[in-house]
Amino acid sequence: MKFEDNNRSLVDIDKEFSFLPQEVILTGNNLTLPQILSVARNNASVTFTTDSKVIERIKECHERMIQDVQDGVPIYGCNTGYGA
């Protein structure tokens, strides 16, 4: 779904939301509003991608975050007390 696409009609938008997937695969690149609605309203299953490039990026981000935590770097929502 592209929000900058102003040429879509209400019929096009309605069609897009008429199909809510039963499974959502998180890839880090293509989450759509219909997928979010399907998870929130219809309990669609959520899985992570098995793409090794994405898994490696997640691993690198996690390692960096852990290092920053150990170094005392404030990370919003992780060690800042947000939601405590």
C-alpha atoms as a PDB file:
ATOM      1  CA  MET A   1       0.000   0.000   0.000  1.00  0.00           C
ATOM      2  CA  LYS A   2       1.383   3.354  -0.980  1.00  0.00           C
ATOM      3  CA  PHE A   3      -0.021   6.363   0.827  1.00  0.00           C
ATOM      4  CA  GLU A   4       1.461   8.761  -1.696  1.00  0.00           C
ATOM      5  CA  ASP A   5      -0.672   7.224  -4.454  1.00  0.00           C
ATOM      6  CA  ASN A   6      -3.489   9.780  -4.693  1.00  0.00           C
ATOM      7  CA  ASN A   7      -4.964   8.247  -7.831  1.00  0.00           C
ATOM      8  CA  ARG A   8      -6.659   5.305  -6.111  1.00  0.00           C
ATOM      9  CA  SER A   9     -10.412   5.316  -5.998  1.00  0.00           C
ATOM     10  CA  LEU A  10     -12.495   4.333  -2.991  1.00  0.00           C
ATOM     11  CA  VAL A  11     -13.298   1.126  -4.848  1.00  0.00           C
ATOM     12  CA  ASP A  12      -9.584   0.320  -5.095  1.00  0.00           C
ATOM     13  CA  ILE A  13      -9.114   1.002  -1.401  1.00  0.00           C
ATOM     14  CA  ASP A  14     -12.153  -1.107  -0.505  1.00  0.00           C
ATOM     15  CA  LYS A  15     -10.810  -3.999  -2.581  1.00  0.00           C
ATOM     16  CA  GLU A  16      -7.467  -3.762  -0.818  1.00  0.00           C
ATOM     17  CA  PHE A  17      -9.123  -4.037   2.602  1.00  0.00           C
ATOM     18  CA  SER A  18     -11.601  -6.740   1.589  1.00  0.00           C
ATOM     19  CA  PHE A  19      -8.909  -9.413   1.700  1.00  0.00           C
ATOM     20  CA  LEU A  20      -7.301  -9.825   5.105  1.00  0.00           C
ATOM     21  CA  PRO A  21      -4.606 -12.501   5.144  1.00  0.00           C
ATOM     22  CA  GLN A  22      -4.700 -15.368   7.634  1.00  0.00           C
ATOM     23  CA  GLU A  23      -0.926 -15.264   8.004  1.00  0.00           C
ATOM     24  CA  VAL A  24       1.449 -12.317   8.155  1.00  0.00           C
ATOM     25  CA  ILE A  25       5.143 -12.840   7.524  1.00  0.00           C
ATOM     26  CA  LEU A  26       7.329 -10.078   8.933  1.00  0.00           C
ATOM     27  CA  THR A  27      10.171  -9.248   6.573  1.00  0.00           C
ATOM     28  CA  GLY A  28      11.006  -5.723   7.703  1.00  0.00           C
ATOM     29  CA  ASN A  29      10.074  -4.318   4.318  1.00  0.00           C
ATOM     30  CA  ASN A  30       6.454  -4.694   3.379  1.00  0.00           C
ATOM     31  CA  LEU A  31       3.981  -4.545   6.285  1.00  0.00           C
ATOM     32  CA  THR A  32       0.608  -3.300   5.067  1.00  0.00           C
ATOM     33  CA  LEU A  33      -2.453  -1.892   6.789  1.00  0.00           C
ATOM     34  CA  PRO A  34      -4.561  -4.917   5.755  1.00  0.00           C
ATOM     35  CA  GLN A  35      -1.992  -7.171   7.440  1.00  0.00           C
ATOM     36  CA  ILE A  36      -2.056  -5.087  10.622  1.00  0.00           C
ATOM     37  CA  LEU A  37      -5.853  -5.151  10.666  1.00  0.00           C
ATOM     38  CA  SER A  38      -5.870  -8.893  10.103  1.00  0.00           C
ATOM     39  CA  VAL A  39      -3.635  -9.450  13.128  1.00  0.00           C
ATOM     40  CA  ALA A  40      -5.526  -6.965  15.306  1.00  0.00           C
ATOM     41  CA  ARG A  41      -9.065  -7.998  14.367  1.00  0.00           C
ATOM     42  CA  ASN A  42      -8.861 -11.576  13.097  1.00  0.00           C
ATOM     43  CA  ASN A  43      -5.994 -13.073  15.094  1.00  0.00           C
ATOM     44  CA  ALA A  44      -3.952 -13.774  11.973  1.00  0.00           C
ATOM     45  CA  SER A  45      -0.813 -15.735  12.711  1.00  0.00           C
ATOM     46  CA  VAL A  46       2.451 -13.821  12.631  1.00  0.00           C
ATOM     47  CA  THR A  47       5.772 -15.358  11.696  1.00  0.00           C
ATOM     48  CA  PHE A  48       9.204 -13.971  10.986  1.00  0.00           C
ATOM     49  CA  THR A  49      10.856 -14.342   7.638  1.00  0.00           C
ATOM     50  CA  THR A  50      13.438 -17.046   7.136  1.00  0.00           C
ATOM     51  CA  ASP A  51      15.425 -14.803   4.785  1.00  0.00           C
ATOM     52  CA  SER A  52      19.011 -15.094   6.036  1.00  0.00           C
ATOM     53  CA  LYS A  53      19.812 -11.476   5.108  1.00  0.00           C
ATOM     54  CA  VAL A  54      16.976 -10.183   7.284  1.00  0.00           C
ATOM     55  CA  ILE A  55      17.862 -12.540  10.142  1.00  0.00           C
ATOM     56  CA  GLU A  56      21.465 -11.306  10.008  1.00  0.00           C
ATOM     57  CA  ARG A  57      20.305  -7.657  10.148  1.00  0.00           C
ATOM     58  CA  ILE A  58      18.171  -8.435  13.202  1.00  0.00           C
ATOM     59  CA  LYS A  59      21.096 -10.192  14.868  1.00  0.00           C
ATOM     60  CA  GLU A  60      23.406  -7.233  14.174  1.00  0.00           C
ATOM     61  CA  CYS A  61      20.846  -4.759  15.549  1.00  0.00           C
ATOM     62  CA  HIS A  62      20.359  -6.876  18.670  1.00  0.00           C
ATOM     63  CA  GLU A  63      24.092  -7.137  19.280  1.00  0.00           C
ATOM     64  CA  ARG A  64      24.466  -3.365  18.842  1.00  0.00           C
ATOM     65  CA  MET A  65      21.594  -2.684  21.238  1.00  0.00           C
ATOM     66  CA  ILE A  66      23.088  -5.006  23.880  1.00  0.00           C
ATOM     67  CA  GLN A  67      26.461  -3.273  23.511  1.00  0.00           C
ATOM     68  CA  ASP A  68      24.825   0.147  23.842  1.00  0.00           C
ATOM     69  CA  VAL A  69      22.959  -0.989  26.973  1.00  0.00           C
ATOM     70  CA  GLN A  70      26.200  -2.259  28.481  1.00  0.00           C
ATOM     71  CA  ASP A  71      27.866   1.064  27.610  1.00  0.00           C
ATOM     72  CA  GLY A  72      25.070   3.018  29.317  1.00  0.00           C
ATOM     73  CA  VAL A  73      23.652   4.533  26.143  1.00  0.00           C
ATOM     74  CA  PRO A  74      19.978   5.468  26.680  1.00  0.00           C
ATOM     75  CA  ILE A  75      17.733   3.425  24.390  1.00  0.00           C
ATOM     76  CA  TYR A  76      14.167   4.657  24.356  1.00  0.00           C
ATOM     77  CA  GLY A  77      11.780   1.945  25.490  1.00  0.00           C
ATOM     78  CA  CYS A  78      14.579  -0.435  26.456  1.00  0.00           C
ATOM     79  CA  ASN A  79      16.473   1.113  29.331  1.00  0.00           C
ATOM     80  CA  THR A  80      14.840   4.545  29.689  1.00  0.00           C
ATOM     81  CA  GLY A  81      12.062   3.395  32.011  1.00  0.00           C
ATOM     82  CA  TYR A  82       9.350   3.878  29.401  1.00  0.00           C
ATOM     83  CA  GLY A  83       6.507   1.527  30.202  1.00  0.00           C
ATOM     84  CA  ALA A  84       8.026   0.465  33.515  1.00  0.00           C
END
